[in-house]
Amino acid sequence: MTELFAVCATYEIQDGDARGFVLARLDEDGNKTAWPIFILRRGNSFHAYENVCPHEGKRLDAYAGEFLDREANFLACGRHQAKFDPDTGLCFIGPCKGKSLTPIEIIVDYGDVCLVNVPLAEEDGLDVEDPNEMPEVLITGD
């Protein structure tokens, strides 16, 4: 059975934009961890990736919510300006050239962008030390 988790409504992400979220995910040992992701919209297509640059393992958005280059054509790492294809997550310019962002399976279901079969924690809140280190939207299960 496929389990869906609605992250946001489609209208909450404008065409050509990306939005970051932090979810509470369960690791292999069943412990709750912060899981930063982002969802990108291009027309009626949505793509989701873990918010982790493959170069140094840090968040792609050096400033919360800034995932795109200046022209808004490509995904870009805010730390070292690596550029990624928005449809595939493949880096084509920068120190991580040839590596890819980690994709996340999503579907659009009745106007909601949903994660597919992801083990999420069902606790309220995450123990985030510095809220400025996380994207603008924090999601936890109810």
N, C-alpha and C. Protein backbone atom coordinates (compact mmCIF):
# COMPACT_ATOMS: atom_id res chain seq x y z
N MET A 1 0.84 -1.19 0.00
CA MET A 1 0.00 0.00 0.00
C MET A 1 0.89 1.25 0.00
N THR A 2 0.59 2.18 -0.87
CA THR A 2 1.35 3.42 -0.98
C THR A 2 0.88 4.40 0.08
N GLU A 3 1.85 4.94 0.82
CA GLU A 3 1.54 5.92 1.85
C GLU A 3 1.97 7.29 1.36
N LEU A 4 1.06 8.25 1.41
CA LEU A 4 1.34 9.62 0.97
C LEU A 4 1.39 10.55 2.17
N PHE A 5 2.24 11.57 2.07
CA PHE A 5 2.31 12.61 3.07
C PHE A 5 2.29 13.94 2.35
N ALA A 6 1.22 14.71 2.51
CA ALA A 6 1.08 16.01 1.85
C ALA A 6 2.03 17.01 2.50
N VAL A 7 2.89 17.58 1.68
CA VAL A 7 3.84 18.58 2.16
C VAL A 7 3.25 19.98 2.02
N CYS A 8 2.64 20.26 0.85
CA CYS A 8 2.06 21.57 0.62
C CYS A 8 1.08 21.47 -0.54
N ALA A 9 0.31 22.51 -0.72
CA ALA A 9 -0.59 22.59 -1.88
C ALA A 9 0.22 23.09 -3.07
N THR A 10 -0.19 22.70 -4.26
CA THR A 10 0.54 23.11 -5.47
C THR A 10 0.60 24.62 -5.61
N TYR A 11 -0.48 25.32 -5.23
CA TYR A 11 -0.50 26.78 -5.38
C TYR A 11 0.48 27.49 -4.45
N GLU A 12 1.04 26.79 -3.47
CA GLU A 12 1.98 27.40 -2.54
C GLU A 12 3.38 27.57 -3.13
N ILE A 13 3.63 26.94 -4.27
CA ILE A 13 4.92 27.09 -4.95
C ILE A 13 4.65 27.68 -6.32
N GLN A 14 5.18 28.86 -6.56
CA GLN A 14 4.97 29.54 -7.82
C GLN A 14 5.77 28.87 -8.94
N ASP A 15 5.30 28.97 -10.16
CA ASP A 15 6.00 28.44 -11.32
C ASP A 15 7.40 29.06 -11.40
N GLY A 16 8.41 28.21 -11.56
CA GLY A 16 9.79 28.68 -11.66
C GLY A 16 10.44 28.96 -10.33
N ASP A 17 9.82 28.55 -9.24
CA ASP A 17 10.35 28.81 -7.90
C ASP A 17 10.55 27.50 -7.16
N ALA A 18 11.25 27.56 -6.04
CA ALA A 18 11.47 26.41 -5.17
C ALA A 18 11.20 26.84 -3.74
N ARG A 19 10.79 25.87 -2.92
CA ARG A 19 10.49 26.17 -1.52
C ARG A 19 11.05 25.07 -0.63
N GLY A 20 11.70 25.47 0.45
CA GLY A 20 12.32 24.54 1.37
C GLY A 20 11.41 24.15 2.52
N PHE A 21 11.61 22.93 3.01
CA PHE A 21 10.85 22.39 4.13
C PHE A 21 11.80 21.56 4.99
N VAL A 22 11.47 21.42 6.26
CA VAL A 22 12.19 20.49 7.13
C VAL A 22 11.16 19.58 7.74
N LEU A 23 11.36 18.28 7.54
CA LEU A 23 10.47 17.28 8.08
C LEU A 23 11.19 16.50 9.17
N ALA A 24 10.44 15.81 9.99
CA ALA A 24 11.02 14.93 11.00
C ALA A 24 10.99 13.52 10.43
N ARG A 25 12.15 13.01 10.09
CA ARG A 25 12.27 11.69 9.46
C ARG A 25 12.83 10.68 10.45
N LEU A 26 12.43 9.44 10.30
CA LEU A 26 12.98 8.37 11.13
C LEU A 26 14.18 7.76 10.42
N ASP A 27 15.29 7.60 11.16
CA ASP A 27 16.46 6.95 10.57
C ASP A 27 16.34 5.44 10.71
N GLU A 28 17.40 4.71 10.33
CA GLU A 28 17.37 3.25 10.37
C GLU A 28 17.12 2.70 11.77
N ASP A 29 17.56 3.44 12.80
CA ASP A 29 17.38 2.99 14.18
C ASP A 29 16.07 3.47 14.80
N GLY A 30 15.25 4.16 14.02
CA GLY A 30 13.98 4.66 14.53
C GLY A 30 14.07 5.99 15.25
N ASN A 31 15.24 6.65 15.16
CA ASN A 31 15.41 7.95 15.80
C ASN A 31 14.92 9.06 14.90
N LYS A 32 14.38 10.09 15.50
CA LYS A 32 13.87 11.25 14.77
C LYS A 32 15.03 12.18 14.41
N THR A 33 15.10 12.58 13.12
CA THR A 33 16.12 13.52 12.68
C THR A 33 15.50 14.56 11.77
N ALA A 34 16.11 15.73 11.75
CA ALA A 34 15.66 16.78 10.84
C ALA A 34 16.03 16.38 9.42
N TRP A 35 15.09 16.53 8.50
CA TRP A 35 15.32 16.16 7.10
C TRP A 35 14.96 17.34 6.21
N PRO A 36 15.95 18.17 5.83
CA PRO A 36 15.67 19.31 4.96
C PRO A 36 15.51 18.87 3.51
N ILE A 37 14.43 19.33 2.90
CA ILE A 37 14.14 19.02 1.50
C ILE A 37 13.71 20.31 0.81
N PHE A 38 13.60 20.27 -0.51
CA PHE A 38 12.97 21.39 -1.20
C PHE A 38 12.20 20.84 -2.40
N ILE A 39 11.19 21.59 -2.77
CA ILE A 39 10.34 21.24 -3.90
C ILE A 39 10.41 22.38 -4.90
N LEU A 40 10.61 22.01 -6.16
CA LEU A 40 10.75 22.95 -7.26
C LEU A 40 9.57 22.78 -8.20
N ARG A 41 9.06 23.90 -8.70
CA ARG A 41 7.97 23.84 -9.67
C ARG A 41 8.42 24.44 -10.99
N ARG A 42 8.15 23.70 -12.06
CA ARG A 42 8.41 24.19 -13.42
C ARG A 42 7.16 23.87 -14.23
N GLY A 43 6.31 24.88 -14.42
CA GLY A 43 5.03 24.66 -15.08
C GLY A 43 4.15 23.78 -14.21
N ASN A 44 3.69 22.68 -14.75
CA ASN A 44 2.88 21.74 -13.98
C ASN A 44 3.69 20.58 -13.45
N SER A 45 5.02 20.65 -13.57
CA SER A 45 5.90 19.59 -13.07
C SER A 45 6.52 20.02 -11.75
N PHE A 46 6.58 19.07 -10.84
CA PHE A 46 7.19 19.30 -9.53
C PHE A 46 8.33 18.31 -9.35
N HIS A 47 9.43 18.77 -8.75
CA HIS A 47 10.58 17.93 -8.45
C HIS A 47 10.96 18.19 -6.99
N ALA A 48 11.37 17.13 -6.30
CA ALA A 48 11.80 17.27 -4.91
C ALA A 48 13.18 16.66 -4.74
N TYR A 49 13.99 17.32 -3.92
CA TYR A 49 15.35 16.85 -3.64
C TYR A 49 15.65 17.07 -2.17
N GLU A 50 16.59 16.26 -1.65
CA GLU A 50 17.11 16.55 -0.33
C GLU A 50 17.89 17.86 -0.44
N ASN A 51 17.80 18.67 0.57
CA ASN A 51 18.48 19.96 0.57
C ASN A 51 19.91 19.78 1.06
N VAL A 52 20.70 19.05 0.26
CA VAL A 52 22.09 18.76 0.61
C VAL A 52 22.92 18.81 -0.67
N CYS A 53 23.92 19.67 -0.69
CA CYS A 53 24.83 19.74 -1.84
C CYS A 53 25.79 18.55 -1.77
N PRO A 54 26.00 17.84 -2.87
CA PRO A 54 26.90 16.68 -2.85
C PRO A 54 28.38 17.04 -2.68
N HIS A 55 28.72 18.32 -2.76
CA HIS A 55 30.12 18.73 -2.63
C HIS A 55 30.61 18.62 -1.19
N GLU A 56 29.92 19.28 -0.27
CA GLU A 56 30.37 19.28 1.13
C GLU A 56 29.30 18.76 2.09
N GLY A 57 28.15 18.37 1.59
CA GLY A 57 27.11 17.84 2.45
C GLY A 57 26.36 18.89 3.24
N LYS A 58 26.47 20.15 2.84
CA LYS A 58 25.75 21.23 3.52
C LYS A 58 24.52 21.60 2.71
N ARG A 59 23.65 22.39 3.32
CA ARG A 59 22.44 22.83 2.63
C ARG A 59 22.77 23.55 1.33
N LEU A 60 21.94 23.32 0.34
CA LEU A 60 22.10 23.98 -0.95
C LEU A 60 21.84 25.48 -0.82
N ASP A 61 20.82 25.84 -0.06
CA ASP A 61 20.47 27.26 0.11
C ASP A 61 21.27 27.87 1.27
N ALA A 62 22.30 28.62 0.92
CA ALA A 62 23.10 29.29 1.95
C ALA A 62 22.23 30.29 2.71
N TYR A 63 21.25 30.85 2.03
CA TYR A 63 20.25 31.72 2.64
C TYR A 63 18.91 31.02 2.46
N ALA A 64 18.18 30.87 3.52
CA ALA A 64 16.94 30.09 3.50
C ALA A 64 16.05 30.46 2.32
N GLY A 65 15.69 29.44 1.55
CA GLY A 65 14.76 29.61 0.45
C GLY A 65 15.37 30.03 -0.88
N GLU A 66 16.69 30.24 -0.94
CA GLU A 66 17.34 30.66 -2.19
C GLU A 66 18.01 29.45 -2.84
N PHE A 67 17.27 28.80 -3.74
CA PHE A 67 17.72 27.57 -4.38
C PHE A 67 18.14 27.76 -5.84
N LEU A 68 17.80 28.89 -6.42
CA LEU A 68 18.01 29.09 -7.85
C LEU A 68 19.11 30.10 -8.13
N ASP A 69 19.70 30.01 -9.34
CA ASP A 69 20.70 31.00 -9.74
C ASP A 69 20.00 32.33 -10.01
N ARG A 70 20.76 33.37 -10.32
CA ARG A 70 20.19 34.71 -10.50
C ARG A 70 19.13 34.78 -11.58
N GLU A 71 19.32 34.02 -12.63
CA GLU A 71 18.36 34.03 -13.74
C GLU A 71 17.18 33.08 -13.50
N ALA A 72 17.22 32.32 -12.41
CA ALA A 72 16.19 31.35 -12.04
C ALA A 72 16.03 30.25 -13.09
N ASN A 73 17.14 29.91 -13.76
CA ASN A 73 17.12 28.83 -14.74
C ASN A 73 17.58 27.50 -14.16
N PHE A 74 18.51 27.56 -13.19
CA PHE A 74 19.12 26.35 -12.65
C PHE A 74 19.12 26.38 -11.13
N LEU A 75 19.19 25.21 -10.53
CA LEU A 75 19.41 25.12 -9.09
C LEU A 75 20.87 25.48 -8.85
N ALA A 76 21.15 26.18 -7.75
CA ALA A 76 22.52 26.61 -7.49
C ALA A 76 22.84 26.48 -6.01
N CYS A 77 24.07 26.06 -5.73
CA CYS A 77 24.54 26.01 -4.35
C CYS A 77 24.96 27.41 -3.96
N GLY A 78 24.42 27.91 -2.88
CA GLY A 78 24.71 29.26 -2.41
C GLY A 78 26.10 29.41 -1.83
N ARG A 79 26.82 28.31 -1.61
CA ARG A 79 28.15 28.38 -1.02
C ARG A 79 29.25 28.46 -2.09
N HIS A 80 29.15 27.65 -3.12
CA HIS A 80 30.23 27.62 -4.12
C HIS A 80 29.71 27.72 -5.56
N GLN A 81 28.45 28.08 -5.72
CA GLN A 81 27.84 28.37 -7.02
C GLN A 81 27.81 27.19 -8.00
N ALA A 82 27.87 25.97 -7.51
CA ALA A 82 27.67 24.81 -8.39
C ALA A 82 26.26 24.92 -8.95
N LYS A 83 26.08 24.50 -10.20
CA LYS A 83 24.76 24.58 -10.83
C LYS A 83 24.29 23.17 -11.16
N PHE A 84 22.97 22.98 -10.98
CA PHE A 84 22.34 21.67 -11.15
C PHE A 84 21.16 21.80 -12.10
N ASP A 85 20.97 20.76 -12.91
CA ASP A 85 19.81 20.70 -13.79
C ASP A 85 18.57 20.53 -12.91
N PRO A 86 17.58 21.39 -13.03
CA PRO A 86 16.40 21.31 -12.16
C PRO A 86 15.56 20.05 -12.37
N ASP A 87 15.62 19.47 -13.56
CA ASP A 87 14.80 18.28 -13.84
C ASP A 87 15.45 16.98 -13.38
N THR A 88 16.79 16.94 -13.33
CA THR A 88 17.48 15.70 -12.98
C THR A 88 18.30 15.80 -11.70
N GLY A 89 18.65 17.03 -11.27
CA GLY A 89 19.49 17.22 -10.10
C GLY A 89 20.98 17.04 -10.38
N LEU A 90 21.36 16.80 -11.64
CA LEU A 90 22.75 16.57 -12.00
C LEU A 90 23.53 17.88 -12.02
N CYS A 91 24.69 17.89 -11.37
CA CYS A 91 25.57 19.06 -11.36
C CYS A 91 26.35 19.10 -12.66
N PHE A 92 26.34 20.26 -13.34
CA PHE A 92 27.06 20.39 -14.59
C PHE A 92 28.13 21.48 -14.53
N ILE A 93 28.16 22.28 -13.47
CA ILE A 93 29.20 23.30 -13.27
C ILE A 93 29.52 23.33 -11.78
N GLY A 94 30.81 23.31 -11.44
CA GLY A 94 31.22 23.44 -10.06
C GLY A 94 32.01 22.25 -9.56
N PRO A 95 32.40 22.29 -8.29
CA PRO A 95 33.27 21.26 -7.72
C PRO A 95 32.63 19.88 -7.62
N CYS A 96 31.32 19.80 -7.72
CA CYS A 96 30.65 18.49 -7.65
C CYS A 96 30.13 18.06 -9.02
N LYS A 97 30.74 18.58 -10.08
CA LYS A 97 30.33 18.26 -11.44
C LYS A 97 30.26 16.75 -11.64
N GLY A 98 29.13 16.29 -12.20
CA GLY A 98 28.92 14.87 -12.43
C GLY A 98 28.17 14.17 -11.32
N LYS A 99 28.08 14.81 -10.15
CA LYS A 99 27.31 14.25 -9.03
C LYS A 99 25.90 14.82 -9.08
N SER A 100 24.99 14.20 -8.35
CA SER A 100 23.59 14.64 -8.38
C SER A 100 23.04 14.89 -7.00
N LEU A 101 22.05 15.76 -6.95
CA LEU A 101 21.25 15.93 -5.74
C LEU A 101 20.46 14.64 -5.54
N THR A 102 20.08 14.36 -4.31
CA THR A 102 19.31 13.16 -4.02
C THR A 102 17.83 13.45 -4.26
N PRO A 103 17.24 12.76 -5.26
CA PRO A 103 15.83 13.01 -5.56
C PRO A 103 14.91 12.35 -4.53
N ILE A 104 13.73 12.90 -4.41
CA ILE A 104 12.70 12.37 -3.51
C ILE A 104 11.46 12.12 -4.34
N GLU A 105 10.88 10.94 -4.19
CA GLU A 105 9.69 10.60 -4.96
C GLU A 105 8.49 11.39 -4.43
N ILE A 106 7.83 12.10 -5.33
CA ILE A 106 6.63 12.85 -4.99
C ILE A 106 5.58 12.61 -6.08
N ILE A 107 4.34 12.88 -5.70
CA ILE A 107 3.25 12.91 -6.68
C ILE A 107 2.33 14.07 -6.29
N VAL A 108 1.57 14.53 -7.27
CA VAL A 108 0.55 15.53 -6.99
C VAL A 108 -0.76 14.78 -6.87
N ASP A 109 -1.42 14.94 -5.72
CA ASP A 109 -2.65 14.24 -5.42
C ASP A 109 -3.71 15.26 -4.99
N TYR A 110 -4.71 15.45 -5.83
CA TYR A 110 -5.80 16.39 -5.54
C TYR A 110 -5.29 17.76 -5.12
N GLY A 111 -4.28 18.27 -5.84
CA GLY A 111 -3.77 19.61 -5.59
C GLY A 111 -2.72 19.70 -4.50
N ASP A 112 -2.34 18.58 -3.90
CA ASP A 112 -1.28 18.57 -2.88
C ASP A 112 -0.04 17.90 -3.43
N VAL A 113 1.13 18.45 -3.09
CA VAL A 113 2.40 17.80 -3.41
C VAL A 113 2.70 16.85 -2.26
N CYS A 114 2.81 15.56 -2.58
CA CYS A 114 2.93 14.53 -1.55
C CYS A 114 4.20 13.71 -1.71
N LEU A 115 4.82 13.39 -0.57
CA LEU A 115 5.92 12.43 -0.54
C LEU A 115 5.31 11.04 -0.61
N VAL A 116 6.06 10.11 -1.18
CA VAL A 116 5.58 8.74 -1.34
C VAL A 116 6.44 7.80 -0.48
N ASN A 117 5.77 7.07 0.42
CA ASN A 117 6.41 6.02 1.24
C ASN A 117 7.68 6.46 1.94
N VAL A 118 7.62 7.57 2.67
CA VAL A 118 8.75 8.06 3.44
C VAL A 118 8.43 7.90 4.92
N PRO A 119 9.31 7.24 5.70
CA PRO A 119 9.05 7.06 7.14
C PRO A 119 9.28 8.37 7.90
N LEU A 120 8.20 9.02 8.28
CA LEU A 120 8.29 10.27 9.01
C LEU A 120 7.94 10.06 10.48
N ALA A 121 8.54 10.87 11.34
CA ALA A 121 8.24 10.81 12.77
C ALA A 121 6.88 11.41 13.02
N GLU A 122 6.18 10.87 13.97
CA GLU A 122 4.86 11.40 14.30
C GLU A 122 4.90 12.09 15.65
N GLU A 123 5.80 13.05 15.75
CA GLU A 123 5.93 13.85 16.96
C GLU A 123 5.84 15.31 16.58
N ASP A 124 5.38 16.14 17.49
CA ASP A 124 5.31 17.57 17.23
C ASP A 124 6.65 18.21 17.52
N GLY A 125 7.15 18.94 16.54
CA GLY A 125 8.36 19.74 16.72
C GLY A 125 9.64 18.95 16.59
N LEU A 126 10.69 19.68 16.30
CA LEU A 126 12.04 19.14 16.25
C LEU A 126 12.89 19.99 17.17
N ASP A 127 13.88 19.38 17.78
CA ASP A 127 14.77 20.13 18.65
C ASP A 127 15.84 20.80 17.79
N VAL A 128 15.47 21.91 17.18
CA VAL A 128 16.37 22.65 16.31
C VAL A 128 17.05 23.72 17.14
N GLU A 129 18.39 23.63 17.23
CA GLU A 129 19.13 24.58 18.06
C GLU A 129 19.05 26.01 17.54
N ASP A 130 19.28 26.19 16.24
CA ASP A 130 19.26 27.52 15.64
C ASP A 130 18.22 27.55 14.53
N PRO A 131 17.04 28.16 14.75
CA PRO A 131 16.00 28.17 13.74
C PRO A 131 16.43 28.83 12.44
N ASN A 132 17.45 29.70 12.47
CA ASN A 132 17.93 30.34 11.25
C ASN A 132 18.68 29.36 10.35
N GLU A 133 19.01 28.20 10.87
CA GLU A 133 19.71 27.18 10.09
C GLU A 133 18.75 26.33 9.27
N MET A 134 17.47 26.53 9.42
CA MET A 134 16.48 25.71 8.73
C MET A 134 15.67 26.56 7.76
N PRO A 135 15.10 25.92 6.73
CA PRO A 135 14.23 26.66 5.81
C PRO A 135 13.02 27.24 6.52
N GLU A 136 12.24 27.99 5.78
CA GLU A 136 11.15 28.74 6.37
C GLU A 136 9.97 27.89 6.85
N VAL A 137 9.85 26.65 6.41
CA VAL A 137 8.70 25.85 6.76
C VAL A 137 9.14 24.58 7.46
N LEU A 138 8.63 24.34 8.64
CA LEU A 138 8.93 23.15 9.42
C LEU A 138 7.68 22.29 9.46
N ILE A 139 7.78 21.04 9.02
CA ILE A 139 6.62 20.15 8.96
C ILE A 139 6.89 18.94 9.85
N THR A 140 5.94 18.61 10.66
CA THR A 140 6.01 17.38 11.43
C THR A 140 4.68 16.69 11.37
N GLY A 141 4.68 15.40 11.62
CA GLY A 141 3.43 14.66 11.61
C GLY A 141 2.56 15.04 12.78
N ASP A 142 1.27 14.82 12.67
CA ASP A 142 0.34 15.10 13.78
C ASP A 142 0.02 13.84 14.53
